[in-house]
N, C-alpha and C. Protein backbone atom coordinates (compact mmCIF):
# COMPACT_ATOMS: atom_id res chain seq x y z
N MET A 1 94.35 83.15 111.45
CA MET A 1 94.18 84.39 111.59
C MET A 1 95.47 85.20 111.36
N CYS A 2 96.29 84.63 112.06
CA CYS A 2 97.43 85.40 111.89
C CYS A 2 98.33 85.70 110.70
N MET A 3 97.96 84.06 110.20
CA MET A 3 98.81 83.79 108.94
C MET A 3 98.51 84.92 107.82
N MET A 4 96.84 85.13 107.88
CA MET A 4 96.19 86.22 106.98
C MET A 4 96.73 87.54 107.28
N THR A 5 96.92 87.63 108.73
CA THR A 5 97.51 88.90 108.99
C THR A 5 99.26 89.26 108.27
N SER A 6 99.57 88.02 108.10
CA SER A 6 101.07 88.05 108.16
C SER A 6 101.36 88.21 106.62
N ASN A 7 100.23 87.66 105.78
CA ASN A 7 99.67 87.77 104.47
C ASN A 7 99.57 89.38 103.60
N VAL A 8 98.86 89.80 104.40
CA VAL A 8 98.12 91.28 104.27
C VAL A 8 99.35 92.21 104.48
N PHE A 9 99.99 91.99 105.83
CA PHE A 9 101.29 93.30 106.30
C PHE A 9 102.40 92.73 105.36
N GLY A 10 102.71 91.78 104.56
CA GLY A 10 103.65 91.36 103.75
C GLY A 10 103.23 91.76 102.17
N SER A 11 102.19 91.89 102.20
CA SER A 11 101.82 92.07 100.45
C SER A 11 102.22 93.34 100.43
N ILE A 12 101.42 94.14 101.33
CA ILE A 12 101.32 95.68 101.35
C ILE A 12 102.70 96.31 101.22
N THR A 13 103.41 95.75 101.96
CA THR A 13 104.90 96.54 102.90
C THR A 13 105.57 95.99 101.22
N ALA A 14 105.84 94.86 100.49
CA ALA A 14 106.40 94.49 99.56
C ALA A 14 105.98 95.09 98.39
N ASN A 15 104.53 95.52 98.23
CA ASN A 15 104.16 96.16 96.97
C ASN A 15 104.86 97.97 97.02
N ASN A 16 104.76 98.31 98.26
CA ASN A 16 105.35 99.61 98.49
C ASN A 16 106.86 99.85 98.35
N LEU A 17 107.59 98.67 99.19
CA LEU A 17 108.83 99.18 99.27
C LEU A 17 109.89 97.88 98.46
N GLY A 18 109.26 96.94 97.86
CA GLY A 18 109.82 95.90 97.08
C GLY A 18 110.17 94.71 98.12
N TYR A 19 110.09 95.00 99.45
CA TYR A 19 110.50 93.82 99.90
C TYR A 19 110.00 93.57 101.45
N ALA A 20 109.46 92.67 102.13
CA ALA A 20 108.93 92.54 103.35
C ALA A 20 109.61 91.08 104.14
N LYS A 21 109.62 91.13 105.31
CA LYS A 21 109.67 89.60 105.59
C LYS A 21 108.92 89.97 106.79
N VAL A 22 108.21 88.60 107.13
CA VAL A 22 107.08 88.73 108.32
C VAL A 22 107.43 87.86 109.53
N GLU A 23 107.42 87.88 110.41
CA GLU A 23 107.50 87.04 111.59
C GLU A 23 106.49 86.58 112.27
N LEU A 24 106.43 85.49 112.66
CA LEU A 24 104.90 85.34 113.68
C LEU A 24 105.61 84.92 114.98
N GLN A 25 105.61 86.06 116.01
CA GLN A 25 106.93 85.44 117.36
C GLN A 25 105.55 84.75 118.17
N GLU A 26 104.16 85.37 118.26
CA GLU A 26 103.07 84.55 118.44
C GLU A 26 102.10 84.47 118.06
N THR A 27 101.59 83.23 117.96
CA THR A 27 100.60 83.22 117.43
C THR A 27 98.94 82.39 118.18
N ILE A 28 97.93 82.31 117.60
CA ILE A 28 96.66 82.36 118.22
C ILE A 28 96.51 80.64 117.77
N ALA A 29 97.15 80.42 116.84
CA ALA A 29 97.05 78.70 116.78
C ALA A 29 98.20 77.98 117.60
N GLU A 30 98.74 78.79 118.30
CA GLU A 30 100.13 78.30 119.17
C GLU A 30 99.20 78.52 120.34
N GLY A 31 97.88 79.01 121.10
CA GLY A 31 97.75 79.17 122.20
C GLY A 31 97.89 80.47 123.01
N ALA A 32 98.42 81.39 121.77
CA ALA A 32 98.74 82.75 122.16
C ALA A 32 96.90 83.71 122.22
N GLU A 33 96.88 84.83 123.00
CA GLU A 33 95.44 85.38 122.93
C GLU A 33 95.36 86.22 121.31
N SER A 34 96.37 86.73 120.79
CA SER A 34 96.66 87.49 120.13
C SER A 34 98.04 87.28 119.08
N CYS A 35 97.77 87.65 117.80
CA CYS A 35 99.15 87.57 116.98
C CYS A 35 100.16 88.75 117.55
N ARG A 36 101.02 88.14 117.36
CA ARG A 36 102.51 89.27 117.58
C ARG A 36 103.33 89.16 116.42
N VAL A 37 103.32 90.25 115.73
CA VAL A 37 103.92 90.30 114.26
C VAL A 37 105.24 91.25 114.00
N VAL A 38 106.02 90.72 113.40
CA VAL A 38 107.30 91.70 113.48
C VAL A 38 107.55 91.77 111.85
N VAL A 39 107.36 93.11 111.38
CA VAL A 39 107.79 93.30 110.11
C VAL A 39 108.87 93.70 109.69
N TYR A 40 109.61 93.04 108.77
CA TYR A 40 111.07 93.66 108.55
C TYR A 40 111.25 94.38 107.21
N LEU A 41 111.58 95.45 106.97
CA LEU A 41 111.82 96.33 105.86
C LEU A 41 112.80 96.13 104.89
N LYS A 42 113.47 95.36 105.68
CA LYS A 42 114.74 95.33 104.76
C LYS A 42 115.49 94.31 104.91
N LEU A 43 116.50 93.58 104.07
CA LEU A 43 116.99 92.52 104.09
C LEU A 43 118.14 92.73 104.87
N THR A 44 118.19 92.73 106.28
CA THR A 44 119.36 92.88 107.24
C THR A 44 119.66 91.62 107.74
N GLU A 45 120.69 91.54 108.25
CA GLU A 45 121.34 90.52 109.28
C GLU A 45 120.25 90.00 110.11
N ASP A 46 119.04 91.01 110.86
CA ASP A 46 117.97 90.63 111.73
C ASP A 46 117.40 89.75 111.16
N ALA A 47 116.76 90.36 109.64
CA ALA A 47 115.68 89.73 108.97
C ALA A 47 116.18 88.19 108.53
N GLU A 48 117.61 88.38 108.52
CA GLU A 48 117.74 86.82 107.88
C GLU A 48 118.12 85.86 109.12
N ASP A 49 118.03 86.43 110.42
CA ASP A 49 118.17 85.15 111.31
C ASP A 49 116.73 85.15 111.30
N ALA A 50 115.66 85.68 111.03
CA ALA A 50 114.33 85.57 111.90
C ALA A 50 113.71 84.80 110.94
N GLU A 51 112.79 83.71 111.49
CA GLU A 51 112.13 82.62 111.23
C GLU A 51 110.64 83.47 110.02
N GLY A 52 110.57 83.63 109.20
CA GLY A 52 109.45 84.16 108.50
C GLY A 52 109.28 84.15 107.05
N ARG A 53 108.07 84.43 106.42
CA ARG A 53 107.81 84.64 104.94
C ARG A 53 108.61 85.77 104.47
N GLU A 54 109.21 85.75 103.62
CA GLU A 54 109.57 86.82 102.55
C GLU A 54 108.54 87.14 101.61
N TYR A 55 108.62 88.19 101.36
CA TYR A 55 107.63 88.76 100.38
C TYR A 55 108.41 89.93 99.23
N PHE A 56 108.29 89.70 98.23
CA PHE A 56 108.96 90.53 97.38
C PHE A 56 107.99 91.15 96.20
N LYS A 57 108.00 92.64 95.45
CA LYS A 57 107.14 93.45 94.86
C LYS A 57 107.03 92.43 93.37
N GLY A 58 105.23 92.22 93.61
CA GLY A 58 105.21 91.17 91.91
C GLY A 58 104.56 92.29 91.03
């Protein structure tokens, strides 16, 4: 469920802004009650340091 959320947020953001990186900080699969998602809108130092998937306008 959280990965699907990541793909939706990442694809929509990248298609509109050209870039997105989505970090899943908490996931249901790892035992959390819900997904905690952080979306980086620009390739910044914080985005580079975060573990996540990058999306580009396609």
